[in-house]
Amino acid sequence: MGFGARLAIVGLMLTASLVSGLVVDPSHRQTCAGDRTAVSSLPADDPRRAAFGRLHAISTSLMGVAMLGGLLLCYWETRE
């Protein structure tokens, strides 16, 4: 695999991490600001619980992209 493809994967990993940390995390903090109630104790129809679930899924997906990119790079490096 060429250098350009590897660089693109690293760029994708960095972008996923930055979006998760700089966009999703502040949105999560704003959603739960000042509320010390555990999300699991909120009623199922509470909009804060739905927002938390959506943001958590987005964050998990973005971090999954970063991890898979890293594993892919490690795999290619060990094969060469």
N, C-alpha and C. Protein backbone atom coordinates (compact mmCIF):
# COMPACT_ATOMS: atom_id res chain seq x y z
N MET A 1 0.85 -1.18 0.00
CA MET A 1 0.00 0.00 0.00
C MET A 1 0.89 1.23 0.00
N GLY A 2 0.51 2.20 -0.79
CA GLY A 2 1.34 3.38 -0.97
C GLY A 2 1.24 4.37 0.18
N PHE A 3 2.18 5.29 0.15
CA PHE A 3 2.25 6.31 1.20
C PHE A 3 0.99 7.18 1.23
N GLY A 4 0.46 7.52 0.06
CA GLY A 4 -0.74 8.36 -0.01
C GLY A 4 -1.94 7.72 0.67
N ALA A 5 -2.12 6.43 0.47
CA ALA A 5 -3.24 5.73 1.10
C ALA A 5 -3.06 5.70 2.62
N ARG A 6 -1.85 5.45 3.05
CA ARG A 6 -1.58 5.44 4.50
C ARG A 6 -1.83 6.82 5.11
N LEU A 7 -1.40 7.84 4.40
CA LEU A 7 -1.61 9.21 4.88
C LEU A 7 -3.10 9.53 4.95
N ALA A 8 -3.87 9.06 3.98
CA ALA A 8 -5.32 9.28 3.98
C ALA A 8 -5.97 8.60 5.19
N ILE A 9 -5.51 7.41 5.52
CA ILE A 9 -6.06 6.70 6.68
C ILE A 9 -5.74 7.46 7.96
N VAL A 10 -4.52 7.94 8.07
CA VAL A 10 -4.13 8.72 9.25
C VAL A 10 -4.98 9.99 9.34
N GLY A 11 -5.21 10.64 8.21
CA GLY A 11 -6.05 11.83 8.18
C GLY A 11 -7.47 11.53 8.61
N LEU A 12 -8.01 10.40 8.16
CA LEU A 12 -9.35 9.98 8.56
C LEU A 12 -9.41 9.71 10.06
N MET A 13 -8.38 9.05 10.57
CA MET A 13 -8.32 8.76 12.00
C MET A 13 -8.28 10.06 12.82
N LEU A 14 -7.46 11.00 12.39
CA LEU A 14 -7.34 12.28 13.09
C LEU A 14 -8.65 13.05 13.03
N THR A 15 -9.28 13.07 11.87
CA THR A 15 -10.55 13.77 11.72
C THR A 15 -11.62 13.17 12.62
N ALA A 16 -11.71 11.86 12.65
CA ALA A 16 -12.70 11.19 13.51
C ALA A 16 -12.47 11.54 14.98
N SER A 17 -11.22 11.53 15.40
CA SER A 17 -10.91 11.85 16.80
C SER A 17 -11.23 13.31 17.12
N LEU A 18 -10.90 14.21 16.21
CA LEU A 18 -11.17 15.63 16.45
C LEU A 18 -12.67 15.92 16.48
N VAL A 19 -13.42 15.34 15.57
CA VAL A 19 -14.86 15.56 15.57
C VAL A 19 -15.48 15.03 16.86
N SER A 20 -15.03 13.86 17.29
CA SER A 20 -15.54 13.29 18.52
C SER A 20 -15.23 14.19 19.72
N GLY A 21 -14.00 14.66 19.80
CA GLY A 21 -13.59 15.46 20.95
C GLY A 21 -14.04 16.91 20.92
N LEU A 22 -14.10 17.50 19.74
CA LEU A 22 -14.39 18.93 19.66
C LEU A 22 -15.83 19.26 19.30
N VAL A 23 -16.57 18.30 18.77
CA VAL A 23 -17.96 18.56 18.39
C VAL A 23 -18.92 17.74 19.25
N VAL A 24 -18.72 16.44 19.30
CA VAL A 24 -19.67 15.57 19.99
C VAL A 24 -19.57 15.75 21.51
N ASP A 25 -18.37 15.78 22.06
CA ASP A 25 -18.22 15.89 23.52
C ASP A 25 -18.81 17.19 24.06
N PRO A 26 -18.54 18.35 23.46
CA PRO A 26 -19.20 19.57 23.97
C PRO A 26 -20.72 19.52 23.87
N SER A 27 -21.24 18.89 22.82
CA SER A 27 -22.70 18.75 22.70
C SER A 27 -23.24 17.88 23.83
N HIS A 28 -22.50 16.84 24.16
CA HIS A 28 -22.90 15.97 25.27
C HIS A 28 -22.88 16.74 26.58
N ARG A 29 -21.82 17.50 26.79
CA ARG A 29 -21.72 18.27 28.04
C ARG A 29 -22.86 19.29 28.16
N GLN A 30 -23.22 19.91 27.05
CA GLN A 30 -24.30 20.88 27.05
C GLN A 30 -25.64 20.19 27.33
N THR A 31 -25.83 19.00 26.78
CA THR A 31 -27.07 18.26 26.99
C THR A 31 -27.25 17.90 28.46
N CYS A 32 -26.17 17.53 29.11
CA CYS A 32 -26.24 17.08 30.50
C CYS A 32 -25.78 18.13 31.50
N ALA A 33 -25.63 19.37 31.08
CA ALA A 33 -25.09 20.43 31.94
C ALA A 33 -25.92 20.60 33.21
N GLY A 34 -25.22 20.58 34.33
CA GLY A 34 -25.84 20.85 35.62
C GLY A 34 -26.72 19.73 36.16
N ASP A 35 -26.84 18.65 35.44
CA ASP A 35 -27.70 17.55 35.89
C ASP A 35 -26.83 16.39 36.35
N ARG A 36 -26.92 16.06 37.60
CA ARG A 36 -26.09 14.98 38.15
C ARG A 36 -26.85 13.65 38.18
N THR A 37 -28.01 13.61 37.55
CA THR A 37 -28.80 12.39 37.51
C THR A 37 -28.17 11.41 36.53
N ALA A 38 -28.09 10.16 36.91
CA ALA A 38 -27.57 9.13 36.01
C ALA A 38 -28.51 8.98 34.82
N VAL A 39 -27.95 8.90 33.64
CA VAL A 39 -28.76 8.78 32.43
C VAL A 39 -29.63 7.53 32.50
N SER A 40 -29.12 6.47 33.05
CA SER A 40 -29.89 5.22 33.12
C SER A 40 -31.11 5.33 34.02
N SER A 41 -31.13 6.32 34.91
CA SER A 41 -32.29 6.48 35.80
C SER A 41 -33.36 7.40 35.21
N LEU A 42 -33.08 8.02 34.08
CA LEU A 42 -34.07 8.87 33.42
C LEU A 42 -35.13 8.00 32.74
N PRO A 43 -36.35 8.50 32.65
CA PRO A 43 -37.39 7.74 31.94
C PRO A 43 -37.00 7.53 30.47
N ALA A 44 -37.47 6.45 29.89
CA ALA A 44 -37.12 6.10 28.51
C ALA A 44 -37.53 7.18 27.52
N ASP A 45 -38.59 7.93 27.81
CA ASP A 45 -39.05 8.95 26.88
C ASP A 45 -38.46 10.35 27.16
N ASP A 46 -37.53 10.44 28.10
CA ASP A 46 -36.89 11.72 28.41
C ASP A 46 -36.00 12.15 27.25
N PRO A 47 -36.14 13.38 26.76
CA PRO A 47 -35.34 13.83 25.62
C PRO A 47 -33.83 13.85 25.92
N ARG A 48 -33.46 14.06 27.18
CA ARG A 48 -32.03 14.04 27.54
C ARG A 48 -31.44 12.65 27.36
N ARG A 49 -32.23 11.64 27.69
CA ARG A 49 -31.75 10.27 27.53
C ARG A 49 -31.60 9.93 26.05
N ALA A 50 -32.56 10.36 25.23
CA ALA A 50 -32.48 10.11 23.79
C ALA A 50 -31.28 10.85 23.19
N ALA A 51 -31.07 12.09 23.61
CA ALA A 51 -29.93 12.87 23.10
C ALA A 51 -28.61 12.23 23.51
N PHE A 52 -28.53 11.78 24.76
CA PHE A 52 -27.32 11.11 25.22
C PHE A 52 -27.05 9.85 24.41
N GLY A 53 -28.08 9.06 24.17
CA GLY A 53 -27.92 7.83 23.39
C GLY A 53 -27.44 8.12 21.97
N ARG A 54 -28.00 9.15 21.35
CA ARG A 54 -27.60 9.51 19.99
C ARG A 54 -26.14 9.99 19.96
N LEU A 55 -25.78 10.86 20.90
CA LEU A 55 -24.41 11.38 20.94
C LEU A 55 -23.41 10.27 21.28
N HIS A 56 -23.81 9.37 22.16
CA HIS A 56 -22.93 8.26 22.52
C HIS A 56 -22.68 7.35 21.32
N ALA A 57 -23.73 7.10 20.54
CA ALA A 57 -23.59 6.26 19.35
C ALA A 57 -22.67 6.92 18.32
N ILE A 58 -22.81 8.22 18.14
CA ILE A 58 -21.95 8.94 17.20
C ILE A 58 -20.50 8.88 17.66
N SER A 59 -20.28 9.16 18.94
CA SER A 59 -18.92 9.14 19.49
C SER A 59 -18.29 7.75 19.37
N THR A 60 -19.05 6.73 19.68
CA THR A 60 -18.55 5.36 19.60
C THR A 60 -18.20 5.00 18.16
N SER A 61 -19.02 5.42 17.22
CA SER A 61 -18.75 5.15 15.80
C SER A 61 -17.47 5.86 15.34
N LEU A 62 -17.31 7.10 15.74
CA LEU A 62 -16.11 7.85 15.34
C LEU A 62 -14.85 7.23 15.94
N MET A 63 -14.91 6.83 17.18
CA MET A 63 -13.74 6.19 17.79
C MET A 63 -13.49 4.82 17.18
N GLY A 64 -14.54 4.15 16.75
CA GLY A 64 -14.38 2.87 16.05
C GLY A 64 -13.64 3.06 14.73
N VAL A 65 -13.97 4.13 14.02
CA VAL A 65 -13.27 4.43 12.76
C VAL A 65 -11.78 4.64 13.03
N ALA A 66 -11.47 5.39 14.08
CA ALA A 66 -10.06 5.64 14.42
C ALA A 66 -9.34 4.34 14.79
N MET A 67 -9.99 3.49 15.57
CA MET A 67 -9.36 2.23 15.96
C MET A 67 -9.17 1.29 14.78
N LEU A 68 -10.18 1.20 13.93
CA LEU A 68 -10.05 0.32 12.76
C LEU A 68 -8.96 0.82 11.82
N GLY A 69 -8.85 2.12 11.67
CA GLY A 69 -7.77 2.67 10.85
C GLY A 69 -6.41 2.31 11.41
N GLY A 70 -6.27 2.42 12.73
CA GLY A 70 -5.01 2.06 13.36
C GLY A 70 -4.69 0.58 13.20
N LEU A 71 -5.68 -0.26 13.36
CA LEU A 71 -5.46 -1.70 13.18
C LEU A 71 -5.10 -2.03 11.73
N LEU A 72 -5.75 -1.36 10.81
CA LEU A 72 -5.46 -1.57 9.40
C LEU A 72 -4.02 -1.16 9.08
N LEU A 73 -3.59 -0.04 9.60
CA LEU A 73 -2.21 0.40 9.38
C LEU A 73 -1.20 -0.58 10.00
N CYS A 74 -1.51 -1.04 11.22
CA CYS A 74 -0.62 -2.02 11.86
C CYS A 74 -0.53 -3.30 11.03
N TYR A 75 -1.66 -3.76 10.51
CA TYR A 75 -1.68 -4.97 9.71
C TYR A 75 -0.80 -4.80 8.46
N TRP A 76 -0.98 -3.70 7.74
CA TRP A 76 -0.20 -3.47 6.53
C TRP A 76 1.29 -3.34 6.82
N GLU A 77 1.62 -2.71 7.95
CA GLU A 77 3.03 -2.54 8.28
C GLU A 77 3.69 -3.88 8.64
N THR A 78 2.95 -4.75 9.30
CA THR A 78 3.56 -6.03 9.68
C THR A 78 3.66 -6.99 8.49
N ARG A 79 2.84 -6.77 7.47
CA ARG A 79 2.91 -7.63 6.28
C ARG A 79 4.09 -7.29 5.40
N GLU A 80 4.61 -6.08 5.53
CA GLU A 80 5.72 -5.67 4.64
C GLU A 80 7.07 -5.96 5.23
